C-alpha atoms as a PDB file:
ATOM      1  CA  MET A   1     -14.013   3.713  -3.935  1.00  0.00           C
ATOM      2  CA  ASP A   2     -15.502   1.420  -6.493  1.00  0.00           C
ATOM      3  CA  ASP A   3     -12.701  -1.182  -6.917  1.00  0.00           C
ATOM      4  CA  TRP A   4     -10.855  -0.191  -3.731  1.00  0.00           C
ATOM      5  CA  TYR A   5     -10.891  -2.204  -0.488  1.00  0.00           C
ATOM      6  CA  PRO A   6     -10.752  -0.682   2.960  1.00  0.00           C
ATOM      7  CA  VAL A   7      -7.251  -0.726   4.520  1.00  0.00           C
ATOM      8  CA  ARG A   8      -8.496  -2.969   7.372  1.00  0.00           C
ATOM      9  CA  LEU A   9      -8.878  -5.738   4.806  1.00  0.00           C
ATOM     10  CA  ALA A  10      -5.367  -5.298   3.268  1.00  0.00           C
ATOM     11  CA  PRO A  11      -3.009  -8.252   3.524  1.00  0.00           C
ATOM     12  CA  ARG A  12      -0.548  -8.128   6.381  1.00  0.00           C
ATOM     13  CA  ASP A  13       1.782 -10.862   5.143  1.00  0.00           C
ATOM     14  CA  GLY A  14       4.269  -8.890   3.056  1.00  0.00           C
ATOM     15  CA  THR A  15       2.257  -9.166  -0.121  1.00  0.00           C
ATOM     16  CA  PRO A  16       2.841  -6.070  -2.311  1.00  0.00           C
ATOM     17  CA  VAL A  17      -0.395  -4.083  -2.991  1.00  0.00           C
ATOM     18  CA  ILE A  18      -1.390  -0.901  -4.730  1.00  0.00           C
ATOM     19  CA  LEU A  19      -2.135   1.864  -2.038  1.00  0.00           C
ATOM     20  CA  TRP A  20      -4.451   4.850  -2.300  1.00  0.00           C
ATOM     21  CA  MET A  21      -2.767   7.221   0.177  1.00  0.00           C
ATOM     22  CA  GLU A  22      -3.796  10.352   2.069  1.00  0.00           C
ATOM     23  CA  ASP A  23      -6.099  12.237  -0.292  1.00  0.00           C
ATOM     24  CA  ALA A  24      -9.635  10.658  -0.080  1.00  0.00           C
ATOM     25  CA  GLU A  25     -10.723  12.839  -3.003  1.00  0.00           C
ATOM     26  CA  ALA A  26      -8.170  11.722  -5.480  1.00  0.00           C
ATOM     27  CA  PRO A  27      -7.508   8.016  -6.228  1.00  0.00           C
ATOM     28  CA  PRO A  28      -4.054   7.341  -7.507  1.00  0.00           C
ATOM     29  CA  THR A  29      -3.166   7.662 -11.157  1.00  0.00           C
ATOM     30  CA  TYR A  30      -0.285   5.948 -13.051  1.00  0.00           C
ATOM     31  CA  PRO A  31       2.300   5.436 -11.829  1.00  0.00           C
ATOM     32  CA  VAL A  32       0.679   3.884  -8.730  1.00  0.00           C
ATOM     33  CA  THR A  33       2.023   3.635  -5.163  1.00  0.00           C
ATOM     34  CA  VAL A  34       2.983   0.076  -4.170  1.00  0.00           C
ATOM     35  CA  GLY A  35       3.634  -0.942  -0.612  1.00  0.00           C
ATOM     36  CA  VAL A  36       4.028  -3.894   1.760  1.00  0.00           C
ATOM     37  CA  TRP A  37       3.030  -4.374   5.383  1.00  0.00           C
ATOM     38  CA  GLU A  38       6.057  -5.090   7.522  1.00  0.00           C
ATOM     39  CA  THR A  39       7.061  -5.300  11.157  1.00  0.00           C
ATOM     40  CA  ASP A  40      10.206  -3.585  12.390  1.00  0.00           C
ATOM     41  CA  ASP A  41      12.614  -6.218  13.901  1.00  0.00           C
ATOM     42  CA  ILE A  42      13.772  -3.803  16.714  1.00  0.00           C
ATOM     43  CA  THR A  43      10.667  -1.843  17.688  1.00  0.00           C
ATOM     44  CA  ARG A  44       8.128  -4.553  16.753  1.00  0.00           C
ATOM     45  CA  ARG A  45       5.919  -1.791  15.301  1.00  0.00           C
ATOM     46  CA  SER A  46       4.101  -2.657  12.068  1.00  0.00           C
ATOM     47  CA  HIS A  47       3.661  -0.217   9.185  1.00  0.00           C
ATOM     48  CA  TRP A  48       3.368   0.173   5.345  1.00  0.00           C
ATOM     49  CA  ARG A  49       6.725   0.394   3.630  1.00  0.00           C
ATOM     50  CA  VAL A  50       6.443   2.284   0.299  1.00  0.00           C
ATOM     51  CA  VAL A  51       9.394   2.326  -2.025  1.00  0.00           C
ATOM     52  CA  GLY A  52       9.749   5.155  -4.623  1.00  0.00           C
ATOM     53  CA  ALA A  53      12.461   5.767  -7.118  1.00  0.00           C
ATOM     54  CA  ARG A  54      12.613   9.476  -6.547  1.00  0.00           C
ATOM     55  CA  TYR A  55      12.369   9.763  -2.726  1.00  0.00           C
ATOM     56  CA  GLY A  56      13.428   6.328  -1.354  1.00  0.00           C
ATOM     57  CA  THR A  57      11.594   4.345   1.228  1.00  0.00           C
ATOM     58  CA  HIS A  58       8.876   5.822   3.327  1.00  0.00           C
ATOM     59  CA  THR A  59       6.854   4.518   6.260  1.00  0.00           C
ATOM     60  CA  TYR A  60       3.049   5.002   6.479  1.00  0.00           C
ATOM     61  CA  PHE A  61       0.402   3.841   8.934  1.00  0.00           C
ATOM     62  CA  ASP A  62      -3.209   2.821   8.305  1.00  0.00           C
ATOM     63  CA  GLN A  63      -4.517   6.317   8.993  1.00  0.00           C
ATOM     64  CA  HIS A  64      -2.577   7.443   5.836  1.00  0.00           C
ATOM     65  CA  ILE A  65      -4.142   4.821   3.589  1.00  0.00           C
ATOM     66  CA  VAL A  66      -7.553   5.403   2.028  1.00  0.00           C
ATOM     67  CA  GLY A  67      -7.866   1.942   0.272  1.00  0.00           C
ATOM     68  CA  TRP A  68      -5.851  -0.685  -1.477  1.00  0.00           C
ATOM     69  CA  ARG A  69      -6.075  -2.984  -4.556  1.00  0.00           C
ATOM     70  CA  PRO A  70      -4.190  -6.284  -5.407  1.00  0.00           C
ATOM     71  CA  LEU A  71      -1.458  -5.938  -7.995  1.00  0.00           C
ATOM     72  CA  PRO A  72      -2.625  -6.965 -11.434  1.00  0.00           C
ATOM     73  CA  CYS A  73      -1.831 -10.465 -12.513  1.00  0.00           C
ATOM     74  CA  MET A  74       1.065 -10.589 -15.010  1.00  0.00           C
ATOM     75  CA  TYR A  75       0.386 -14.096 -16.435  1.00  0.00           C
ATOM     76  CA  ARG A  76      -2.428 -15.888 -18.124  1.00  0.00           C
ATOM     77  CA  ALA A  77      -3.623 -19.310 -16.920  1.00  0.00           C
END
Protein backbone atom coordinates (compact mmCIF):
# COMPACT_ATOMS: atom_id res chain seq x y z
CA MET A 1 0.00 0.00 0.00
CA ASP A 2 2.75 2.43 -0.94
CA ASP A 3 0.66 5.43 -2.02
CA TRP A 4 -2.61 4.32 -0.45
CA TYR A 5 -4.06 5.72 2.77
CA PRO A 6 -6.07 3.66 5.28
CA VAL A 7 -9.82 4.08 4.98
CA ARG A 8 -10.02 5.51 8.51
CA LEU A 9 -8.21 8.60 7.14
CA ALA A 10 -10.53 9.07 4.14
CA PRO A 11 -12.44 12.36 3.88
CA ARG A 12 -16.02 12.09 5.14
CA ASP A 13 -17.23 15.38 3.64
CA GLY A 14 -18.44 14.24 0.21
CA THR A 15 -15.07 14.71 -1.50
CA PRO A 16 -14.69 12.18 -4.35
CA VAL A 17 -11.73 9.82 -3.87
CA ILE A 18 -10.22 6.79 -5.59
CA LEU A 19 -11.08 3.62 -3.65
CA TRP A 20 -9.22 0.31 -3.44
CA MET A 21 -12.05 -2.08 -2.72
CA GLU A 22 -12.34 -5.62 -1.35
CA ASP A 23 -9.25 -7.38 -2.75
CA ALA A 24 -6.26 -6.62 -0.53
CA GLU A 25 -3.94 -8.43 -2.95
CA ALA A 26 -4.85 -6.44 -6.05
CA PRO A 27 -4.85 -2.64 -6.09
CA PRO A 28 -7.13 -1.13 -8.73
CA THR A 29 -6.03 -0.59 -12.30
CA TYR A 30 -7.43 1.86 -14.81
CA PRO A 31 -10.32 2.62 -14.85
CA VAL A 32 -10.35 3.23 -11.12
CA THR A 33 -13.24 3.14 -8.67
CA VAL A 34 -14.34 6.56 -7.47
CA GLY A 35 -16.65 7.03 -4.52
CA VAL A 36 -17.92 9.60 -2.03
CA TRP A 37 -18.88 9.27 1.63
CA GLU A 38 -22.49 10.18 2.26
CA THR A 39 -25.21 9.85 4.89
CA ASP A 40 -28.68 8.62 3.97
CA ASP A 41 -31.29 11.26 4.81
CA ILE A 42 -33.85 8.73 6.01
CA THR A 43 -31.82 6.08 7.86
CA ARG A 44 -28.96 8.41 8.91
CA ARG A 45 -26.50 5.57 8.07
CA SER A 46 -23.26 6.61 6.41
CA HIS A 47 -21.62 4.68 3.58
CA TRP A 48 -19.47 4.92 0.46
CA ARG A 49 -21.49 5.61 -2.71
CA VAL A 50 -19.74 4.30 -5.81
CA VAL A 51 -21.11 5.10 -9.26
CA GLY A 52 -20.25 2.96 -12.27
CA ALA A 53 -21.46 3.25 -15.85
CA ARG A 54 -22.06 -0.48 -16.23
CA TYR A 55 -23.76 -1.35 -12.93
CA GLY A 56 -25.16 1.95 -11.63
CA THR A 57 -24.83 3.10 -8.01
CA HIS A 58 -23.61 0.79 -5.24
CA THR A 59 -23.20 1.20 -1.50
CA TYR A 60 -20.14 0.00 0.40
CA PHE A 61 -18.99 0.25 4.01
CA ASP A 62 -15.49 0.72 5.44
CA GLN A 63 -14.93 -3.03 5.78
CA HIS A 64 -15.10 -3.27 1.96
CA ILE A 65 -12.41 -0.61 1.41
CA VAL A 66 -8.70 -1.49 1.57
CA GLY A 67 -7.40 2.05 0.97
CA TRP A 68 -7.96 5.35 -0.78
CA ARG A 69 -6.13 8.07 -2.73
CA PRO A 70 -7.12 11.62 -3.60
CA LEU A 71 -8.15 12.27 -7.17
CA PRO A 72 -5.31 13.68 -9.28
CA CYS A 73 -5.24 17.44 -9.70
CA MET A 74 -6.48 18.47 -13.15
CA TYR A 75 -4.97 21.94 -13.27
CA ARG A 76 -1.55 23.49 -12.90
CA ALA A 77 -0.90 26.38 -10.56
